[in-house]
Amino acid sequence: MTTVVDIEKAIEKLPVDQVKLLAEWLEDYQLLLASSAAVFSMLDAEEGEGDQWPEPKPPGAKSGS
Protein backbone atom coordinates (compact mmCIF):
# COMPACT_ATOMS: atom_id res chain seq x y z
CA MET A 1 0.00 0.00 0.00
CA THR A 2 1.60 3.19 -1.15
CA THR A 3 -1.21 5.60 -1.87
CA VAL A 4 -4.23 6.98 -0.07
CA VAL A 5 -6.44 5.27 -2.65
CA ASP A 6 -4.85 1.89 -1.80
CA ILE A 7 -5.40 2.53 1.90
CA GLU A 8 -9.01 3.61 1.34
CA LYS A 9 -9.69 0.40 -0.61
CA ALA A 10 -8.15 -1.68 2.16
CA ILE A 11 -10.20 0.12 4.83
CA GLU A 12 -13.40 -0.61 2.89
CA LYS A 13 -12.63 -4.33 3.25
CA LEU A 14 -12.20 -4.19 7.03
CA PRO A 15 -14.89 -5.37 9.44
CA VAL A 16 -16.67 -2.60 11.33
CA ASP A 17 -14.86 -3.33 14.62
CA GLN A 18 -11.50 -2.96 12.88
CA VAL A 19 -12.57 0.33 11.28
CA LYS A 20 -13.49 1.62 14.75
CA LEU A 21 -10.04 0.62 16.07
CA LEU A 22 -8.39 2.32 13.11
CA ALA A 23 -10.43 5.49 13.68
CA GLU A 24 -9.35 5.54 17.34
CA TRP A 25 -5.71 5.06 16.33
CA LEU A 26 -5.94 7.90 13.78
CA GLU A 27 -7.44 10.20 16.39
CA ASP A 28 -4.63 9.37 18.82
CA TYR A 29 -2.06 9.88 16.06
CA GLN A 30 -3.48 13.29 15.16
CA LEU A 31 -3.35 14.33 18.82
CA LEU A 32 0.27 13.18 19.01
CA LEU A 33 1.17 15.23 15.92
CA ALA A 34 -0.59 18.29 17.27
CA SER A 35 1.06 18.04 20.67
CA SER A 36 4.49 17.50 19.08
CA ALA A 37 4.01 20.59 16.93
CA ALA A 38 2.99 22.57 20.01
CA VAL A 39 6.10 21.45 21.92
CA PHE A 40 8.41 22.29 19.01
CA SER A 41 6.76 25.67 18.65
CA MET A 42 7.22 26.37 22.36
CA LEU A 43 10.89 25.34 22.20
CA ASP A 44 11.46 27.53 19.15
CA ALA A 45 9.90 30.46 21.00
CA GLU A 46 12.17 29.87 24.00
CA GLU A 47 15.34 29.48 21.95
CA GLY A 48 14.68 32.16 19.38
CA GLU A 49 14.68 31.92 15.64
CA GLY A 50 17.44 30.47 13.53
CA ASP A 51 19.59 27.40 13.78
CA GLN A 52 19.92 26.30 17.39
CA TRP A 53 22.28 23.43 16.61
CA PRO A 54 25.97 24.03 15.95
CA GLU A 55 27.50 22.56 12.83
CA PRO A 56 29.01 19.14 13.58
CA LYS A 57 32.78 19.03 13.60
CA PRO A 58 34.56 16.48 11.42
CA PRO A 59 36.13 13.55 13.27
CA GLY A 60 39.50 14.50 14.71
CA ALA A 61 38.83 18.27 14.62
CA LYS A 62 40.03 20.20 17.64
CA SER A 63 37.40 21.96 19.72
CA GLY A 64 37.27 25.72 19.31
CA SER A 65 38.46 25.63 15.70
PDB file of N, CA and C in Angstrom:
ATOM      1  N   MET A   1       0.832  -1.176   0.000  1.00  0.00           N
ATOM      2  CA  MET A   1       0.000   0.000   0.000  1.00  0.00           C
ATOM      3  C   MET A   1       0.879   1.242   0.000  1.00  0.00           C
ATOM      4  N   THR A   2       0.742   2.008  -1.050  1.00  0.00           N
ATOM      5  CA  THR A   2       1.595   3.186  -1.145  1.00  0.00           C
ATOM      6  C   THR A   2       0.827   4.476  -1.366  1.00  0.00           C
ATOM      7  N   THR A   3      -0.450   4.378  -1.622  1.00  0.00           N
ATOM      8  CA  THR A   3      -1.215   5.599  -1.874  1.00  0.00           C
ATOM      9  C   THR A   3      -2.445   5.640  -0.974  1.00  0.00           C
ATOM     10  N   VAL A   4      -3.002   6.824  -0.849  1.00  0.00           N
ATOM     11  CA  VAL A   4      -4.228   6.978  -0.067  1.00  0.00           C
ATOM     12  C   VAL A   4      -5.342   6.134  -0.675  1.00  0.00           C
ATOM     13  N   VAL A   5      -5.403   6.067  -1.982  1.00  0.00           N
ATOM     14  CA  VAL A   5      -6.441   5.270  -2.650  1.00  0.00           C
ATOM     15  C   VAL A   5      -6.301   3.805  -2.250  1.00  0.00           C
ATOM     16  N   ASP A   6      -5.073   3.275  -2.217  1.00  0.00           N
ATOM     17  CA  ASP A   6      -4.848   1.892  -1.799  1.00  0.00           C
ATOM     18  C   ASP A   6      -5.321   1.682  -0.360  1.00  0.00           C
ATOM     19  N   ILE A   7      -5.004   2.639   0.493  1.00  0.00           N
ATOM     20  CA  ILE A   7      -5.397   2.534   1.897  1.00  0.00           C
ATOM     21  C   ILE A   7      -6.914   2.600   2.036  1.00  0.00           C
ATOM     22  N   GLU A   8      -7.541   3.506   1.293  1.00  0.00           N
ATOM     23  CA  GLU A   8      -9.005   3.609   1.344  1.00  0.00           C
ATOM     24  C   GLU A   8      -9.651   2.297   0.910  1.00  0.00           C
ATOM     25  N   LYS A   9      -9.138   1.681  -0.137  1.00  0.00           N
ATOM     26  CA  LYS A   9      -9.686   0.404  -0.614  1.00  0.00           C
ATOM     27  C   LYS A   9      -9.527  -0.681   0.442  1.00  0.00           C
ATOM     28  N   ALA A  10      -8.383  -0.691   1.114  1.00  0.00           N
ATOM     29  CA  ALA A  10      -8.149  -1.678   2.164  1.00  0.00           C
ATOM     30  C   ALA A  10      -9.092  -1.458   3.345  1.00  0.00           C
ATOM     31  N   ILE A  11      -9.314  -0.196   3.710  1.00  0.00           N
ATOM     32  CA  ILE A  11     -10.205   0.117   4.828  1.00  0.00           C
ATOM     33  C   ILE A  11     -11.627  -0.345   4.520  1.00  0.00           C
ATOM     34  N   GLU A  12     -12.050  -0.184   3.275  1.00  0.00           N
ATOM     35  CA  GLU A  12     -13.401  -0.609   2.886  1.00  0.00           C
ATOM     36  C   GLU A  12     -13.607  -2.102   3.089  1.00  0.00           C
ATOM     37  N   LYS A  13     -12.532  -2.870   3.090  1.00  0.00           N
ATOM     38  CA  LYS A  13     -12.629  -4.327   3.249  1.00  0.00           C
ATOM     39  C   LYS A  13     -12.595  -4.767   4.707  1.00  0.00           C
ATOM     40  N   LEU A  14     -12.300  -3.844   5.620  1.00  0.00           N
ATOM     41  CA  LEU A  14     -12.202  -4.193   7.032  1.00  0.00           C
ATOM     42  C   LEU A  14     -13.574  -4.388   7.664  1.00  0.00           C
ATOM     43  N   PRO A  15     -13.653  -5.265   8.664  1.00  0.00           N
ATOM     44  CA  PRO A  15     -14.887  -5.370   9.437  1.00  0.00           C
ATOM     45  C   PRO A  15     -15.084  -4.098  10.264  1.00  0.00           C
ATOM     46  N   VAL A  16     -16.321  -3.833  10.628  1.00  0.00           N
ATOM     47  CA  VAL A  16     -16.673  -2.599  11.330  1.00  0.00           C
ATOM     48  C   VAL A  16     -15.837  -2.421  12.598  1.00  0.00           C
ATOM     49  N   ASP A  17     -15.621  -3.477  13.377  1.00  0.00           N
ATOM     50  CA  ASP A  17     -14.858  -3.327  14.618  1.00  0.00           C
ATOM     51  C   ASP A  17     -13.422  -2.904  14.344  1.00  0.00           C
ATOM     52  N   GLN A  18     -12.849  -3.356  13.244  1.00  0.00           N
ATOM     53  CA  GLN A  18     -11.497  -2.963  12.883  1.00  0.00           C
ATOM     54  C   GLN A  18     -11.448  -1.509  12.404  1.00  0.00           C
ATOM     55  N   VAL A  19     -12.493  -1.069  11.718  1.00  0.00           N
ATOM     56  CA  VAL A  19     -12.571   0.331  11.284  1.00  0.00           C
ATOM     57  C   VAL A  19     -12.642   1.240  12.506  1.00  0.00           C
ATOM     58  N   LYS A  20     -13.401   0.828  13.528  1.00  0.00           N
ATOM     59  CA  LYS A  20     -13.486   1.617  14.751  1.00  0.00           C
ATOM     60  C   LYS A  20     -12.122   1.718  15.426  1.00  0.00           C
ATOM     61  N   LEU A  21     -11.388   0.604  15.483  1.00  0.00           N
ATOM     62  CA  LEU A  21     -10.045   0.624  16.070  1.00  0.00           C
ATOM     63  C   LEU A  21      -9.109   1.527  15.272  1.00  0.00           C
ATOM     64  N   LEU A  22      -9.211   1.467  13.969  1.00  0.00           N
ATOM     65  CA  LEU A  22      -8.391   2.324  13.111  1.00  0.00           C
ATOM     66  C   LEU A  22      -8.728   3.795  13.340  1.00  0.00           C
ATOM     67  N   ALA A  23     -10.009   4.105  13.444  1.00  0.00           N
ATOM     68  CA  ALA A  23     -10.432   5.492  13.679  1.00  0.00           C
ATOM     69  C   ALA A  23      -9.882   5.991  15.016  1.00  0.00           C
ATOM     70  N   GLU A  24      -9.908   5.154  16.044  1.00  0.00           N
ATOM     71  CA  GLU A  24      -9.346   5.536  17.344  1.00  0.00           C
ATOM     72  C   GLU A  24      -7.847   5.785  17.231  1.00  0.00           C
ATOM     73  N   TRP A  25      -7.155   4.896  16.507  1.00  0.00           N
ATOM     74  CA  TRP A  25      -5.707   5.062  16.329  1.00  0.00           C
ATOM     75  C   TRP A  25      -5.401   6.362  15.586  1.00  0.00           C
ATOM     76  N   LEU A  26      -6.160   6.659  14.532  1.00  0.00           N
ATOM     77  CA  LEU A  26      -5.943   7.897  13.778  1.00  0.00           C
ATOM     78  C   LEU A  26      -6.172   9.129  14.646  1.00  0.00           C
ATOM     79  N   GLU A  27      -7.174   9.075  15.494  1.00  0.00           N
ATOM     80  CA  GLU A  27      -7.436  10.204  16.387  1.00  0.00           C
ATOM     81  C   GLU A  27      -6.261  10.396  17.356  1.00  0.00           C
ATOM     82  N   ASP A  28      -5.789   9.294  17.927  1.00  0.00           N
ATOM     83  CA  ASP A  28      -4.625   9.369  18.822  1.00  0.00           C
ATOM     84  C   ASP A  28      -3.401   9.898  18.083  1.00  0.00           C
ATOM     85  N   TYR A  29      -3.211   9.453  16.860  1.00  0.00           N
ATOM     86  CA  TYR A  29      -2.063   9.881  16.065  1.00  0.00           C
ATOM     87  C   TYR A  29      -2.134  11.380  15.756  1.00  0.00           C
ATOM     88  N   GLN A  30      -3.313  11.862  15.421  1.00  0.00           N
ATOM     89  CA  GLN A  30      -3.483  13.293  15.157  1.00  0.00           C
ATOM     90  C   GLN A  30      -3.203  14.119  16.409  1.00  0.00           C
ATOM     91  N   LEU A  31      -3.634  13.633  17.564  1.00  0.00           N
ATOM     92  CA  LEU A  31      -3.348  14.329  18.821  1.00  0.00           C
ATOM     93  C   LEU A  31      -1.847  14.352  19.105  1.00  0.00           C
ATOM     94  N   LEU A  32      -1.174  13.252  18.822  1.00  0.00           N
ATOM     95  CA  LEU A  32       0.271  13.183  19.007  1.00  0.00           C
ATOM     96  C   LEU A  32       0.979  14.188  18.109  1.00  0.00           C
ATOM     97  N   LEU A  33       0.567  14.266  16.849  1.00  0.00           N
ATOM     98  CA  LEU A  33       1.172  15.225  15.924  1.00  0.00           C
ATOM     99  C   LEU A  33       0.939  16.657  16.386  1.00  0.00           C
ATOM    100  N   ALA A  34      -0.270  16.943  16.823  1.00  0.00           N
ATOM    101  CA  ALA A  34      -0.592  18.295  17.267  1.00  0.00           C
ATOM    102  C   ALA A  34       0.206  18.658  18.513  1.00  0.00           C
ATOM    103  N   SER A  35       0.323  17.721  19.460  1.00  0.00           N
ATOM    104  CA  SER A  35       1.062  18.040  20.675  1.00  0.00           C
ATOM    105  C   SER A  35       2.550  18.172  20.385  1.00  0.00           C
ATOM    106  N   SER A  36       3.078  17.373  19.466  1.00  0.00           N
ATOM    107  CA  SER A  36       4.485  17.502  19.079  1.00  0.00           C
ATOM    108  C   SER A  36       4.742  18.862  18.446  1.00  0.00           C
ATOM    109  N   ALA A  37       3.850  19.287  17.580  1.00  0.00           N
ATOM    110  CA  ALA A  37       4.006  20.591  16.929  1.00  0.00           C
ATOM    111  C   ALA A  37       3.962  21.703  17.973  1.00  0.00           C
ATOM    112  N   ALA A  38       3.093  21.558  18.964  1.00  0.00           N
ATOM    113  CA  ALA A  38       2.994  22.573  20.011  1.00  0.00           C
ATOM    114  C   ALA A  38       4.284  22.633  20.827  1.00  0.00           C
ATOM    115  N   VAL A  39       4.850  21.482  21.147  1.00  0.00           N
ATOM    116  CA  VAL A  39       6.103  21.446  21.915  1.00  0.00           C
ATOM    117  C   VAL A  39       7.232  22.072  21.112  1.00  0.00           C
ATOM    118  N   PHE A  40       7.354  21.713  19.853  1.00  0.00           N
ATOM    119  CA  PHE A  40       8.412  22.286  19.014  1.00  0.00           C
ATOM    120  C   PHE A  40       8.240  23.790  18.871  1.00  0.00           C
ATOM    121  N   SER A  41       7.015  24.240  18.750  1.00  0.00           N
ATOM    122  CA  SER A  41       6.756  25.669  18.647  1.00  0.00           C
ATOM    123  C   SER A  41       7.167  26.386  19.933  1.00  0.00           C
ATOM    124  N   MET A  42       6.851  25.784  21.071  1.00  0.00           N
ATOM    125  CA  MET A  42       7.222  26.368  22.357  1.00  0.00           C
ATOM    126  C   MET A  42       8.746  26.424  22.501  1.00  0.00           C
ATOM    127  N   LEU A  43       9.432  25.353  22.119  1.00  0.00           N
ATOM    128  CA  LEU A  43      10.891  25.336  22.204  1.00  0.00           C
ATOM    129  C   LEU A  43      11.507  26.371  21.278  1.00  0.00           C
ATOM    130  N   ASP A  44      10.961  26.506  20.079  1.00  0.00           N
ATOM    131  CA  ASP A  44      11.463  27.526  19.155  1.00  0.00           C
ATOM    132  C   ASP A  44      11.284  28.914  19.747  1.00  0.00           C
ATOM    133  N   ALA A  45      10.152  29.152  20.393  1.00  0.00           N
ATOM    134  CA  ALA A  45       9.903  30.460  20.998  1.00  0.00           C
ATOM    135  C   ALA A  45      10.890  30.739  22.125  1.00  0.00           C
ATOM    136  N   GLU A  46      11.220  29.705  22.898  1.00  0.00           N
ATOM    137  CA  GLU A  46      12.169  29.870  24.000  1.00  0.00           C
ATOM    138  C   GLU A  46      13.589  30.112  23.495  1.00  0.00           C
ATOM    139  N   GLU A  47      13.963  29.423  22.427  1.00  0.00           N
ATOM    140  CA  GLU A  47      15.341  29.480  21.949  1.00  0.00           C
ATOM    141  C   GLU A  47      15.575  30.568  20.911  1.00  0.00           C
ATOM    142  N   GLY A  48      14.530  31.145  20.406  1.00  0.00           N
ATOM    143  CA  GLY A  48      14.677  32.161  19.375  1.00  0.00           C
ATOM    144  C   GLY A  48      14.741  31.533  17.997  1.00  0.00           C
ATOM    145  N   GLU A  49      14.685  32.391  17.006  1.00  0.00           N
ATOM    146  CA  GLU A  49      14.683  31.916  15.636  1.00  0.00           C
ATOM    147  C   GLU A  49      16.081  31.513  15.202  1.00  0.00           C
ATOM    148  N   GLY A  50      16.143  30.842  14.092  1.00  0.00           N
ATOM    149  CA  GLY A  50      17.438  30.466  13.527  1.00  0.00           C
ATOM    150  C   GLY A  50      17.840  29.062  13.916  1.00  0.00           C
ATOM    151  N   ASP A  51      19.057  28.732  13.554  1.00  0.00           N
ATOM    152  CA  ASP A  51      19.588  27.401  13.778  1.00  0.00           C
ATOM    153  C   ASP A  51      20.112  27.290  15.205  1.00  0.00           C
ATOM    154  N   GLN A  52      19.487  26.451  16.013  1.00  0.00           N
ATOM    155  CA  GLN A  52      19.920  26.304  17.393  1.00  0.00           C
ATOM    156  C   GLN A  52      21.008  25.247  17.557  1.00  0.00           C
ATOM    157  N   TRP A  53      21.300  24.506  16.518  1.00  0.00           N
ATOM    158  CA  TRP A  53      22.281  23.425  16.611  1.00  0.00           C
ATOM    159  C   TRP A  53      23.572  23.839  15.925  1.00  0.00           C
ATOM    160  N   PRO A  54      24.695  23.695  16.595  1.00  0.00           N
ATOM    161  CA  PRO A  54      25.965  24.031  15.948  1.00  0.00           C
ATOM    162  C   PRO A  54      26.282  23.019  14.848  1.00  0.00           C
ATOM    163  N   GLU A  55      27.075  23.461  13.895  1.00  0.00           N
ATOM    164  CA  GLU A  55      27.497  22.557  12.832  1.00  0.00           C
ATOM    165  C   GLU A  55      28.369  21.460  13.438  1.00  0.00           C
ATOM    166  N   PRO A  56      28.169  20.214  13.037  1.00  0.00           N
ATOM    167  CA  PRO A  56      29.011  19.141  13.582  1.00  0.00           C
ATOM    168  C   PRO A  56      30.452  19.295  13.094  1.00  0.00           C
ATOM    169  N   LYS A  57      31.369  18.960  13.958  1.00  0.00           N
ATOM    170  CA  LYS A  57      32.783  19.025  13.601  1.00  0.00           C
ATOM    171  C   LYS A  57      33.195  17.696  12.986  1.00  0.00           C
ATOM    172  N   PRO A  58      34.089  17.734  12.003  1.00  0.00           N
ATOM    173  CA  PRO A  58      34.561  16.484  11.423  1.00  0.00           C
ATOM    174  C   PRO A  58      35.333  15.664  12.469  1.00  0.00           C
ATOM    175  N   PRO A  59      35.385  14.368  12.328  1.00  0.00           N
ATOM    176  CA  PRO A  59      36.134  13.553  13.274  1.00  0.00           C
ATOM    177  C   PRO A  59      37.583  14.012  13.333  1.00  0.00           C
ATOM    178  N   GLY A  60      38.109  14.100  14.527  1.00  0.00           N
ATOM    179  CA  GLY A  60      39.497  14.504  14.712  1.00  0.00           C
ATOM    180  C   GLY A  60      39.719  16.004  14.783  1.00  0.00           C
ATOM    181  N   ALA A  61      38.691  16.805  14.563  1.00  0.00           N
ATOM    182  CA  ALA A  61      38.833  18.267  14.616  1.00  0.00           C
ATOM    183  C   ALA A  61      38.976  18.696  16.059  1.00  0.00           C
ATOM    184  N   LYS A  62      39.820  19.683  16.291  1.00  0.00           N
ATOM    185  CA  LYS A  62      40.034  20.201  17.638  1.00  0.00           C
ATOM    186  C   LYS A  62      38.857  21.103  18.013  1.00  0.00           C
ATOM    187  N   SER A  63      38.496  21.088  19.280  1.00  0.00           N
ATOM    188  CA  SER A  63      37.397  21.962  19.719  1.00  0.00           C
ATOM    189  C   SER A  63      37.874  23.410  19.696  1.00  0.00           C
ATOM    190  N   GLY A  64      36.953  24.317  19.384  1.00  0.00           N
ATOM    191  CA  GLY A  64      37.271  25.723  19.308  1.00  0.00           C
ATOM    192  C   GLY A  64      37.826  26.153  17.978  1.00  0.00           C
ATOM    193  N   SER A  65      37.932  25.243  17.017  1.00  0.00           N
ATOM    194  CA  SER A  65      38.457  25.628  15.700  1.00  0.00           C
ATOM    195  C   SER A  65      37.368  25.681  14.668  1.00  0.00           C
TER     196      SER A  65
END
